[in-house]
């Protein structure tokens, strides 16, 4: 075999291996329907605490709860409370992509928590910060609507009122598996 053919064969093998390479969860990568998103392990804006009312629904159940979100340069702390004030679940995501979850299923499952955090970040963070963190996915923004697209152009997630954190604003996420409505009740800059 000639030298060129050997080099070509090695290149093809390397390219084939790259297609099967998985991005490590320890670096914050989350699989999203055929693509990947790398979680942001810091809050890029002013430190703040939010109180939000969430309505979450999937194929089998619907839940409403309050969420307190502490957004700081060293990470995120999300705590969900029942309407009676009992803690339902907790998610902490810190620099170095350190995830801690606790509470009721499915929120206490790391894979579910990473995906939920990814979709919330896609809804709330500025688009320029998100674009470089997508692999085999893209974002399309038109006015107040943002869409996450698969590589074939199909819509995976639709977000209305993307990036709206101010009190009285409502952000809605519609994915293939669930719907999430986020109403900000209070915003305190720290």
N, C-alpha and C. Protein backbone atom coordinates (compact mmCIF):
# COMPACT_ATOMS: atom_id res chain seq x y z
N UNK A 1 0.85 -1.17 0.00
CA UNK A 1 0.00 0.00 0.00
C UNK A 1 0.90 1.23 0.00
N UNK A 2 0.57 2.22 -0.80
CA UNK A 2 1.39 3.42 -0.88
C UNK A 2 1.22 4.26 0.38
N UNK A 3 2.15 5.15 0.59
CA UNK A 3 2.13 6.01 1.78
C UNK A 3 0.89 6.89 1.84
N UNK A 4 0.45 7.37 0.68
CA UNK A 4 -0.75 8.21 0.65
C UNK A 4 -1.99 7.44 1.07
N UNK A 5 -2.08 6.20 0.62
CA UNK A 5 -3.24 5.39 0.98
C UNK A 5 -3.25 5.08 2.47
N UNK A 6 -2.08 4.85 3.05
CA UNK A 6 -1.99 4.58 4.49
C UNK A 6 -2.44 5.82 5.26
N UNK A 7 -1.96 6.98 4.86
CA UNK A 7 -2.36 8.23 5.52
C UNK A 7 -3.85 8.44 5.37
N UNK A 8 -4.39 8.20 4.21
CA UNK A 8 -5.83 8.35 3.98
C UNK A 8 -6.62 7.38 4.85
N UNK A 9 -6.16 6.14 4.95
CA UNK A 9 -6.85 5.15 5.78
C UNK A 9 -6.83 5.55 7.24
N UNK A 10 -5.69 6.05 7.72
CA UNK A 10 -5.59 6.50 9.12
C UNK A 10 -6.51 7.68 9.36
N UNK A 11 -6.55 8.62 8.44
CA UNK A 11 -7.45 9.79 8.58
C UNK A 11 -8.91 9.35 8.64
N UNK A 12 -9.30 8.42 7.80
CA UNK A 12 -10.67 7.93 7.80
C UNK A 12 -11.01 7.24 9.12
N UNK A 13 -10.08 6.46 9.64
CA UNK A 13 -10.30 5.81 10.93
C UNK A 13 -10.45 6.84 12.05
N UNK A 14 -9.61 7.86 12.02
CA UNK A 14 -9.69 8.90 13.04
C UNK A 14 -11.02 9.66 12.96
N UNK A 15 -11.43 9.99 11.75
CA UNK A 15 -12.71 10.68 11.58
C UNK A 15 -13.87 9.81 12.02
N UNK A 16 -13.82 8.53 11.72
CA UNK A 16 -14.87 7.62 12.16
C UNK A 16 -14.93 7.53 13.67
N UNK A 17 -13.77 7.52 14.32
CA UNK A 17 -13.72 7.48 15.78
C UNK A 17 -14.27 8.75 16.39
N UNK A 18 -14.04 9.89 15.76
CA UNK A 18 -14.56 11.16 16.28
C UNK A 18 -16.08 11.18 16.28
N UNK A 19 -16.70 10.50 15.35
CA UNK A 19 -18.15 10.48 15.31
C UNK A 19 -18.74 9.76 16.51
N UNK A 20 -17.99 8.87 17.11
CA UNK A 20 -18.47 8.12 18.26
C UNK A 20 -17.98 8.67 19.59
N UNK A 21 -17.22 9.75 19.54
CA UNK A 21 -16.69 10.37 20.74
C UNK A 21 -17.82 11.01 21.52
N UNK A 22 -17.85 10.77 22.81
CA UNK A 22 -18.88 11.36 23.65
C UNK A 22 -18.29 12.48 24.48
N UNK A 23 -19.04 13.53 24.64
CA UNK A 23 -18.59 14.65 25.44
C UNK A 23 -18.83 14.34 26.91
N UNK A 24 -17.85 14.56 27.76
CA UNK A 24 -18.00 14.15 29.15
C UNK A 24 -18.94 15.05 29.94
N UNK A 25 -19.79 14.42 30.77
CA UNK A 25 -20.70 15.17 31.64
C UNK A 25 -19.90 15.98 32.65
N UNK A 26 -18.68 15.53 32.99
CA UNK A 26 -17.88 16.26 33.96
C UNK A 26 -17.45 17.62 33.44
N UNK A 27 -17.50 17.84 32.16
CA UNK A 27 -17.20 19.14 31.58
C UNK A 27 -18.48 19.92 31.30
N UNK A 28 -19.60 19.44 31.83
CA UNK A 28 -20.86 20.16 31.70
C UNK A 28 -21.64 19.89 30.43
N UNK A 29 -21.26 18.88 29.65
CA UNK A 29 -21.97 18.60 28.41
C UNK A 29 -23.24 17.81 28.68
N UNK A 30 -24.32 18.23 28.04
CA UNK A 30 -25.62 17.59 28.19
C UNK A 30 -26.11 17.17 26.80
N UNK A 31 -26.55 15.93 26.68
CA UNK A 31 -27.10 15.46 25.41
C UNK A 31 -28.52 16.00 25.27
N UNK A 32 -28.78 16.63 24.13
CA UNK A 32 -30.11 17.18 23.83
C UNK A 32 -30.54 16.68 22.47
N UNK A 33 -31.23 15.58 22.42
CA UNK A 33 -31.86 15.08 21.20
C UNK A 33 -30.93 15.11 19.98
N UNK A 34 -29.83 14.39 20.06
CA UNK A 34 -28.93 14.27 18.92
C UNK A 34 -27.82 15.30 18.90
N UNK A 35 -27.85 16.27 19.77
CA UNK A 35 -26.79 17.26 19.86
C UNK A 35 -26.35 17.40 21.30
N UNK A 36 -25.51 18.38 21.54
CA UNK A 36 -25.01 18.61 22.88
C UNK A 36 -24.97 20.10 23.20
N UNK A 37 -25.10 20.41 24.48
CA UNK A 37 -24.99 21.77 25.00
C UNK A 37 -24.09 21.73 26.22
N UNK A 38 -23.16 22.66 26.32
CA UNK A 38 -22.30 22.73 27.49
C UNK A 38 -22.87 23.75 28.46
N UNK A 39 -23.23 23.28 29.66
CA UNK A 39 -23.79 24.14 30.69
C UNK A 39 -22.83 25.26 31.05
N UNK A 40 -23.38 26.41 31.36
CA UNK A 40 -22.61 27.55 31.86
C UNK A 40 -22.57 27.38 33.37
N UNK A 41 -21.37 27.28 33.94
CA UNK A 41 -21.25 27.01 35.37
C UNK A 41 -21.08 28.28 36.21
N UNK A 42 -21.48 29.41 35.65
CA UNK A 42 -21.45 30.68 36.37
C UNK A 42 -22.61 31.53 35.86
N UNK A 43 -23.01 32.52 36.65
CA UNK A 43 -24.04 33.46 36.20
C UNK A 43 -23.33 34.65 35.59
N UNK A 44 -23.56 34.97 34.33
CA UNK A 44 -22.82 36.03 33.65
C UNK A 44 -23.28 37.45 33.98
N UNK A 45 -24.44 37.59 34.57
CA UNK A 45 -24.96 38.91 34.86
C UNK A 45 -24.73 39.32 36.30
N UNK A 46 -25.46 40.34 36.71
CA UNK A 46 -25.37 40.82 38.09
C UNK A 46 -25.90 39.74 39.04
N UNK A 47 -25.23 39.53 40.18
CA UNK A 47 -25.75 38.55 41.15
C UNK A 47 -27.16 38.93 41.57
N UNK A 48 -28.02 37.94 41.67
CA UNK A 48 -29.41 38.22 42.00
C UNK A 48 -30.11 37.00 42.55
N UNK A 49 -31.22 37.27 43.21
CA UNK A 49 -32.09 36.20 43.69
C UNK A 49 -33.47 36.43 43.09
N UNK A 50 -34.04 35.36 42.56
CA UNK A 50 -35.36 35.41 41.94
C UNK A 50 -36.31 34.52 42.71
N UNK A 51 -37.55 34.94 42.76
CA UNK A 51 -38.64 34.08 43.21
C UNK A 51 -39.56 33.95 42.01
N UNK A 52 -39.77 32.71 41.58
CA UNK A 52 -40.56 32.47 40.38
C UNK A 52 -41.61 31.40 40.66
N UNK A 53 -42.73 31.54 39.97
CA UNK A 53 -43.77 30.52 40.02
C UNK A 53 -43.63 29.69 38.76
N UNK A 54 -43.53 28.36 38.93
CA UNK A 54 -43.35 27.46 37.81
C UNK A 54 -44.52 26.51 37.69
N UNK A 55 -44.93 26.28 36.47
CA UNK A 55 -45.92 25.26 36.16
C UNK A 55 -45.26 24.31 35.18
N UNK A 56 -45.08 23.07 35.61
CA UNK A 56 -44.37 22.06 34.83
C UNK A 56 -45.33 20.93 34.52
N UNK A 57 -45.32 20.49 33.26
CA UNK A 57 -46.24 19.43 32.85
C UNK A 57 -45.55 18.52 31.85
N UNK A 58 -45.69 17.19 32.07
CA UNK A 58 -45.23 16.23 31.08
C UNK A 58 -46.43 15.37 30.68
N UNK A 59 -46.16 14.23 30.07
CA UNK A 59 -47.26 13.39 29.56
C UNK A 59 -48.15 12.84 30.66
N UNK A 60 -47.61 12.66 31.86
CA UNK A 60 -48.37 11.98 32.91
C UNK A 60 -48.74 12.84 34.11
N UNK A 61 -48.10 13.97 34.30
CA UNK A 61 -48.39 14.76 35.50
C UNK A 61 -48.16 16.25 35.28
N UNK A 62 -48.71 16.99 36.21
CA UNK A 62 -48.56 18.44 36.20
C UNK A 62 -48.23 18.87 37.61
N UNK A 63 -47.28 19.79 37.75
CA UNK A 63 -46.90 20.29 39.06
C UNK A 63 -46.73 21.79 39.00
N UNK A 64 -47.12 22.42 40.10
CA UNK A 64 -46.89 23.85 40.25
C UNK A 64 -46.10 24.05 41.53
N UNK A 65 -45.12 24.93 41.46
CA UNK A 65 -44.31 25.17 42.64
C UNK A 65 -43.63 26.53 42.51
N UNK A 66 -43.10 26.99 43.63
CA UNK A 66 -42.30 28.20 43.65
C UNK A 66 -40.84 27.80 43.52
N UNK A 67 -40.08 28.62 42.86
CA UNK A 67 -38.66 28.38 42.70
C UNK A 67 -37.92 29.61 43.20
N UNK A 68 -36.98 29.40 44.10
CA UNK A 68 -36.07 30.47 44.45
C UNK A 68 -34.76 30.16 43.74
N UNK A 69 -34.25 31.13 43.05
CA UNK A 69 -33.04 30.95 42.26
C UNK A 69 -32.01 31.98 42.72
N UNK A 70 -30.88 31.48 43.19
CA UNK A 70 -29.76 32.33 43.55
C UNK A 70 -28.76 32.23 42.41
N UNK A 71 -28.55 33.33 41.71
CA UNK A 71 -27.70 33.38 40.51
C UNK A 71 -26.48 34.23 40.85
N UNK A 72 -25.31 33.58 40.92
CA UNK A 72 -24.09 34.27 41.32
C UNK A 72 -22.93 33.91 40.40
N UNK A 73 -21.84 34.68 40.46
CA UNK A 73 -20.70 34.37 39.60
C UNK A 73 -20.13 32.97 39.80
N UNK A 74 -20.32 32.36 40.97
CA UNK A 74 -19.77 31.03 41.20
C UNK A 74 -20.79 29.92 40.95
N UNK A 75 -21.97 30.24 40.43
CA UNK A 75 -22.92 29.19 40.07
C UNK A 75 -24.36 29.52 40.37
N UNK A 76 -25.16 28.46 40.41
CA UNK A 76 -26.61 28.56 40.54
C UNK A 76 -27.06 27.71 41.72
N UNK A 77 -28.07 28.18 42.42
CA UNK A 77 -28.75 27.37 43.42
C UNK A 77 -30.25 27.53 43.16
N UNK A 78 -30.91 26.45 42.83
CA UNK A 78 -32.35 26.45 42.57
C UNK A 78 -33.01 25.58 43.63
N UNK A 79 -34.01 26.13 44.31
CA UNK A 79 -34.75 25.38 45.32
C UNK A 79 -36.23 25.53 45.01
N UNK A 80 -36.91 24.39 44.82
CA UNK A 80 -38.34 24.39 44.52
C UNK A 80 -39.12 24.13 45.80
N UNK A 81 -40.17 24.92 46.00
CA UNK A 81 -41.01 24.80 47.18
C UNK A 81 -42.44 24.49 46.75
N UNK A 82 -43.10 23.64 47.53
CA UNK A 82 -44.52 23.35 47.29
C UNK A 82 -45.33 24.59 47.64
N UNK A 83 -46.60 24.64 47.24
CA UNK A 83 -47.44 25.78 47.61
C UNK A 83 -47.54 25.98 49.13
N UNK A 84 -47.28 24.93 49.91
CA UNK A 84 -47.30 25.04 51.37
C UNK A 84 -45.94 25.40 51.95
N UNK A 85 -44.92 25.55 51.11
CA UNK A 85 -43.60 25.96 51.55
C UNK A 85 -42.63 24.85 51.85
N UNK A 86 -42.98 23.61 51.54
CA UNK A 86 -42.08 22.48 51.76
C UNK A 86 -41.12 22.35 50.58
N UNK A 87 -39.85 22.05 50.90
CA UNK A 87 -38.86 21.88 49.84
C UNK A 87 -39.17 20.61 49.06
N UNK A 88 -39.27 20.76 47.72
CA UNK A 88 -39.56 19.62 46.84
C UNK A 88 -38.28 19.07 46.23
N UNK A 89 -37.42 19.96 45.77
CA UNK A 89 -36.14 19.57 45.19
C UNK A 89 -35.18 20.72 45.23
N UNK A 90 -33.90 20.37 45.07
CA UNK A 90 -32.82 21.35 45.13
C UNK A 90 -31.79 20.98 44.07
N UNK A 91 -31.28 21.98 43.38
CA UNK A 91 -30.26 21.80 42.37
C UNK A 91 -29.20 22.86 42.58
N UNK A 92 -27.96 22.44 42.73
CA UNK A 92 -26.85 23.38 42.84
C UNK A 92 -25.85 23.04 41.76
N UNK A 93 -25.45 24.07 41.02
CA UNK A 93 -24.49 23.89 39.94
C UNK A 93 -23.41 24.94 40.11
N UNK A 94 -22.17 24.50 40.31
CA UNK A 94 -21.08 25.41 40.64
C UNK A 94 -19.96 25.33 39.62
N UNK A 95 -19.05 26.29 39.73
CA UNK A 95 -17.87 26.30 38.86
C UNK A 95 -17.19 24.95 38.89
N UNK A 96 -16.62 24.59 37.77
CA UNK A 96 -16.02 23.26 37.65
C UNK A 96 -17.05 22.21 37.30
N UNK A 97 -18.28 22.67 36.97
CA UNK A 97 -19.38 21.80 36.56
C UNK A 97 -19.74 20.79 37.63
N UNK A 98 -19.78 21.26 38.88
CA UNK A 98 -20.16 20.41 40.01
C UNK A 98 -21.67 20.50 40.21
N UNK A 99 -22.35 19.36 40.07
CA UNK A 99 -23.80 19.29 40.20
C UNK A 99 -24.17 18.53 41.46
N UNK A 100 -25.10 19.10 42.23
CA UNK A 100 -25.66 18.43 43.39
C UNK A 100 -27.17 18.54 43.27
N UNK A 101 -27.88 17.41 43.37
CA UNK A 101 -29.34 17.40 43.30
C UNK A 101 -29.90 16.61 44.47
N UNK A 102 -31.07 16.99 44.91
CA UNK A 102 -31.77 16.27 45.97
C UNK A 102 -33.26 16.55 45.83
N UNK A 103 -34.07 15.66 46.39
CA UNK A 103 -35.51 15.88 46.38
C UNK A 103 -36.25 14.78 45.67
N UNK A 104 -37.41 15.15 45.15
CA UNK A 104 -38.30 14.17 44.54
C UNK A 104 -37.96 13.90 43.06
N UNK A 105 -38.34 12.71 42.63
CA UNK A 105 -38.14 12.33 41.22
C UNK A 105 -39.12 13.12 40.35
N UNK A 106 -38.75 13.44 39.14
CA UNK A 106 -37.51 13.11 38.43
C UNK A 106 -36.41 14.14 38.64
N UNK A 107 -36.70 15.18 39.44
CA UNK A 107 -35.75 16.29 39.59
C UNK A 107 -34.47 15.88 40.31
N UNK A 108 -34.49 14.80 41.08
CA UNK A 108 -33.32 14.36 41.82
C UNK A 108 -32.39 13.48 40.97
N UNK A 109 -32.74 13.24 39.75
CA UNK A 109 -31.91 12.43 38.85
C UNK A 109 -30.96 13.35 38.09
N UNK A 110 -29.65 13.12 38.21
CA UNK A 110 -28.68 14.04 37.60
C UNK A 110 -28.90 14.31 36.12
N UNK A 111 -29.24 13.29 35.34
CA UNK A 111 -29.43 13.50 33.89
C UNK A 111 -30.62 14.44 33.63
N UNK A 112 -31.71 14.20 34.38
CA UNK A 112 -32.89 15.06 34.22
C UNK A 112 -32.57 16.48 34.67
N UNK A 113 -31.87 16.60 35.80
CA UNK A 113 -31.53 17.92 36.34
C UNK A 113 -30.63 18.69 35.37
N UNK A 114 -29.65 18.01 34.77
CA UNK A 114 -28.79 18.68 33.79
C UNK A 114 -29.59 19.16 32.58
N UNK A 115 -30.50 18.33 32.12
CA UNK A 115 -31.30 18.72 30.96
C UNK A 115 -32.21 19.90 31.30
N UNK A 116 -32.84 19.86 32.48
CA UNK A 116 -33.70 20.96 32.90
C UNK A 116 -32.89 22.25 33.02
N UNK A 117 -31.71 22.17 33.64
CA UNK A 117 -30.85 23.34 33.77
C UNK A 117 -30.42 23.84 32.39
N UNK A 118 -30.10 22.92 31.49
CA UNK A 118 -29.71 23.32 30.13
C UNK A 118 -30.84 24.08 29.44
N UNK A 119 -32.05 23.56 29.54
CA UNK A 119 -33.17 24.23 28.87
C UNK A 119 -33.51 25.55 29.54
N UNK A 120 -33.34 25.64 30.85
CA UNK A 120 -33.56 26.92 31.53
C UNK A 120 -32.49 27.93 31.11
N UNK A 121 -31.22 27.49 30.98
CA UNK A 121 -30.18 28.40 30.51
C UNK A 121 -30.45 28.84 29.09
N UNK A 122 -30.88 27.93 28.25
CA UNK A 122 -31.21 28.30 26.87
C UNK A 122 -32.33 29.33 26.83
N UNK A 123 -33.19 29.31 27.84
CA UNK A 123 -34.30 30.26 27.90
C UNK A 123 -33.89 31.61 28.48
N UNK A 124 -32.92 31.63 29.38
CA UNK A 124 -32.66 32.85 30.14
C UNK A 124 -31.36 33.57 29.80
N UNK A 125 -30.36 32.86 29.33
CA UNK A 125 -29.06 33.49 29.07
C UNK A 125 -29.04 34.17 27.70
N UNK A 126 -28.15 35.15 27.54
CA UNK A 126 -28.04 35.84 26.24
C UNK A 126 -27.59 34.89 25.13
N UNK A 127 -28.18 35.05 23.97
CA UNK A 127 -27.89 34.17 22.85
C UNK A 127 -26.41 34.10 22.49
N UNK A 128 -25.66 35.21 22.47
CA UNK A 128 -24.23 35.09 22.11
C UNK A 128 -23.44 34.17 23.04
N UNK A 129 -23.80 34.11 24.30
CA UNK A 129 -23.13 33.21 25.24
C UNK A 129 -23.44 31.75 24.95
N UNK A 130 -24.63 31.48 24.45
CA UNK A 130 -25.09 30.11 24.22
C UNK A 130 -24.55 29.50 22.93
N UNK A 131 -24.44 30.29 21.89
CA UNK A 131 -24.13 29.79 20.56
C UNK A 131 -22.85 28.95 20.53
N UNK A 132 -21.80 29.39 21.18
CA UNK A 132 -20.53 28.66 21.17
C UNK A 132 -20.55 27.40 22.02
N UNK A 133 -21.64 27.14 22.71
CA UNK A 133 -21.75 25.98 23.59
C UNK A 133 -22.63 24.88 22.98
N UNK A 134 -22.96 25.02 21.73
CA UNK A 134 -23.83 24.05 21.06
C UNK A 134 -23.03 23.20 20.08
N UNK A 135 -23.31 21.90 20.05
CA UNK A 135 -22.72 21.01 19.05
C UNK A 135 -23.85 20.22 18.40
N UNK A 136 -23.91 20.27 17.09
CA UNK A 136 -24.96 19.62 16.29
C UNK A 136 -26.33 20.19 16.63
N UNK A 137 -26.37 21.41 17.14
CA UNK A 137 -27.60 22.15 17.44
C UNK A 137 -27.37 23.59 17.04
N UNK A 138 -28.46 24.33 16.88
CA UNK A 138 -28.34 25.77 16.62
C UNK A 138 -29.52 26.49 17.26
N UNK A 139 -29.35 27.79 17.43
CA UNK A 139 -30.42 28.63 17.97
C UNK A 139 -30.90 29.57 16.89
N UNK A 140 -32.21 29.78 16.88
CA UNK A 140 -32.81 30.77 15.99
C UNK A 140 -33.63 31.70 16.87
N UNK A 141 -33.38 32.99 16.74
CA UNK A 141 -34.11 33.97 17.55
C UNK A 141 -34.85 34.93 16.62
N UNK A 142 -36.14 35.06 16.86
CA UNK A 142 -36.96 36.02 16.12
C UNK A 142 -37.80 36.77 17.14
N UNK A 143 -37.50 38.05 17.28
CA UNK A 143 -38.18 38.90 18.27
C UNK A 143 -38.07 38.27 19.65
N UNK A 144 -39.19 37.93 20.28
CA UNK A 144 -39.16 37.40 21.63
C UNK A 144 -39.21 35.87 21.67
N UNK A 145 -39.05 35.23 20.54
CA UNK A 145 -39.11 33.77 20.49
C UNK A 145 -37.76 33.20 20.07
N UNK A 146 -37.31 32.20 20.83
CA UNK A 146 -36.04 31.51 20.56
C UNK A 146 -36.36 30.05 20.33
N UNK A 147 -35.70 29.45 19.35
CA UNK A 147 -35.90 28.03 19.06
C UNK A 147 -34.55 27.32 19.04
N UNK A 148 -34.54 26.14 19.65
CA UNK A 148 -33.39 25.25 19.58
C UNK A 148 -33.67 24.28 18.45
N UNK A 149 -32.73 24.20 17.50
CA UNK A 149 -32.92 23.38 16.30
C UNK A 149 -31.92 22.24 16.26
N UNK A 150 -32.39 21.09 15.81
CA UNK A 150 -31.51 19.95 15.54
C UNK A 150 -30.74 20.23 14.26
N UNK A 151 -29.74 19.42 13.98
CA UNK A 151 -28.93 19.63 12.78
C UNK A 151 -29.75 19.49 11.50
N UNK A 152 -30.88 18.76 11.55
CA UNK A 152 -31.75 18.63 10.38
C UNK A 152 -32.76 19.76 10.26
N UNK A 153 -32.71 20.74 11.19
CA UNK A 153 -33.61 21.88 11.15
C UNK A 153 -34.90 21.71 11.93
N UNK A 154 -35.14 20.54 12.49
CA UNK A 154 -36.37 20.33 13.27
C UNK A 154 -36.27 21.06 14.60
N UNK A 155 -37.42 21.54 15.09
CA UNK A 155 -37.48 22.32 16.32
C UNK A 155 -37.54 21.36 17.51
N UNK A 156 -36.58 21.51 18.43
CA UNK A 156 -36.52 20.69 19.63
C UNK A 156 -37.13 21.40 20.83
N UNK A 157 -37.02 22.73 20.85
CA UNK A 157 -37.48 23.51 21.99
C UNK A 157 -37.87 24.89 21.49
N UNK A 158 -39.03 25.35 21.92
CA UNK A 158 -39.47 26.70 21.60
C UNK A 158 -39.61 27.48 22.90
N UNK A 159 -39.03 28.67 22.94
CA UNK A 159 -39.03 29.50 24.13
C UNK A 159 -39.65 30.84 23.76
N UNK A 160 -40.70 31.22 24.47
CA UNK A 160 -41.27 32.55 24.26
C UNK A 160 -40.84 33.45 25.41
N UNK A 161 -40.61 34.70 25.11
CA UNK A 161 -40.12 35.70 26.05
C UNK A 161 -38.73 35.33 26.58
N UNK A 162 -37.86 34.82 25.73
CA UNK A 162 -36.52 34.40 26.13
C UNK A 162 -35.76 35.55 26.78
N UNK A 163 -35.07 35.25 27.87
CA UNK A 163 -34.23 36.22 28.55
C UNK A 163 -34.95 37.18 29.48
N UNK A 164 -36.23 36.99 29.68
CA UNK A 164 -37.01 37.91 30.50
C UNK A 164 -37.00 37.47 31.97
N UNK A 165 -36.33 38.23 32.82
CA UNK A 165 -36.25 37.90 34.24
C UNK A 165 -37.02 38.88 35.13
N UNK A 166 -37.46 39.98 34.58
CA UNK A 166 -38.10 41.02 35.38
C UNK A 166 -39.43 40.53 35.96
N UNK A 167 -39.78 41.02 37.15
CA UNK A 167 -41.08 40.65 37.74
C UNK A 167 -42.23 40.97 36.79
N UNK A 168 -43.18 40.05 36.74
CA UNK A 168 -44.33 40.19 35.86
C UNK A 168 -44.13 39.58 34.49
N UNK A 169 -42.91 39.23 34.16
CA UNK A 169 -42.63 38.61 32.86
C UNK A 169 -42.84 37.10 32.94
N UNK A 170 -43.23 36.53 31.82
CA UNK A 170 -43.50 35.10 31.75
C UNK A 170 -42.69 34.48 30.61
N UNK A 171 -41.91 33.46 30.95
CA UNK A 171 -41.14 32.72 29.95
C UNK A 171 -41.79 31.35 29.83
N UNK A 172 -41.98 30.90 28.60
CA UNK A 172 -42.58 29.59 28.39
C UNK A 172 -41.68 28.74 27.52
N UNK A 173 -41.46 27.50 27.97
CA UNK A 173 -40.67 26.52 27.23
C UNK A 173 -41.59 25.40 26.80
N UNK A 174 -41.55 25.06 25.53
CA UNK A 174 -42.29 23.93 24.99
C UNK A 174 -41.29 23.00 24.32
N UNK A 175 -41.10 21.82 24.93
CA UNK A 175 -40.20 20.83 24.35
C UNK A 175 -41.03 19.63 23.92
N UNK A 176 -40.34 18.63 23.42
CA UNK A 176 -41.05 17.43 22.97
C UNK A 176 -41.56 16.62 24.15
N UNK A 177 -40.95 16.77 25.33
CA UNK A 177 -41.34 15.93 26.46
C UNK A 177 -42.08 16.65 27.58
N UNK A 178 -41.97 17.97 27.66
CA UNK A 178 -42.69 18.69 28.70
C UNK A 178 -42.85 20.16 28.35
N UNK A 179 -43.68 20.82 29.14
CA UNK A 179 -43.90 22.26 29.02
C UNK A 179 -43.56 22.88 30.37
N UNK A 180 -42.93 24.03 30.34
CA UNK A 180 -42.57 24.74 31.55
C UNK A 180 -42.92 26.21 31.38
N UNK A 181 -43.67 26.73 32.33
CA UNK A 181 -44.05 28.14 32.32
C UNK A 181 -43.42 28.77 33.56
N UNK A 182 -42.67 29.85 33.36
CA UNK A 182 -41.94 30.51 34.44
C UNK A 182 -42.44 31.95 34.57
N UNK A 183 -43.01 32.28 35.72
CA UNK A 183 -43.46 33.64 36.01
C UNK A 183 -42.57 34.21 37.11
N UNK A 184 -41.86 35.28 36.83
CA UNK A 184 -41.01 35.90 37.84
C UNK A 184 -41.88 36.77 38.74
N UNK A 185 -41.83 36.48 40.04
CA UNK A 185 -42.61 37.23 41.02
C UNK A 185 -41.78 38.31 41.69
N UNK A 186 -40.49 38.02 41.91
CA UNK A 186 -39.62 38.96 42.61
C UNK A 186 -38.21 38.81 42.10
N UNK A 187 -37.50 39.94 41.99
CA UNK A 187 -36.10 39.95 41.57
C UNK A 187 -35.34 40.89 42.48
N UNK A 188 -34.36 40.37 43.19
CA UNK A 188 -33.53 41.19 44.08
C UNK A 188 -32.09 41.13 43.61
N UNK A 189 -31.53 42.28 43.25
CA UNK A 189 -30.11 42.34 42.88
C UNK A 189 -29.30 42.33 44.16
N UNK A 190 -28.23 41.55 44.17
CA UNK A 190 -27.42 41.39 45.38
C UNK A 190 -26.16 42.24 45.32
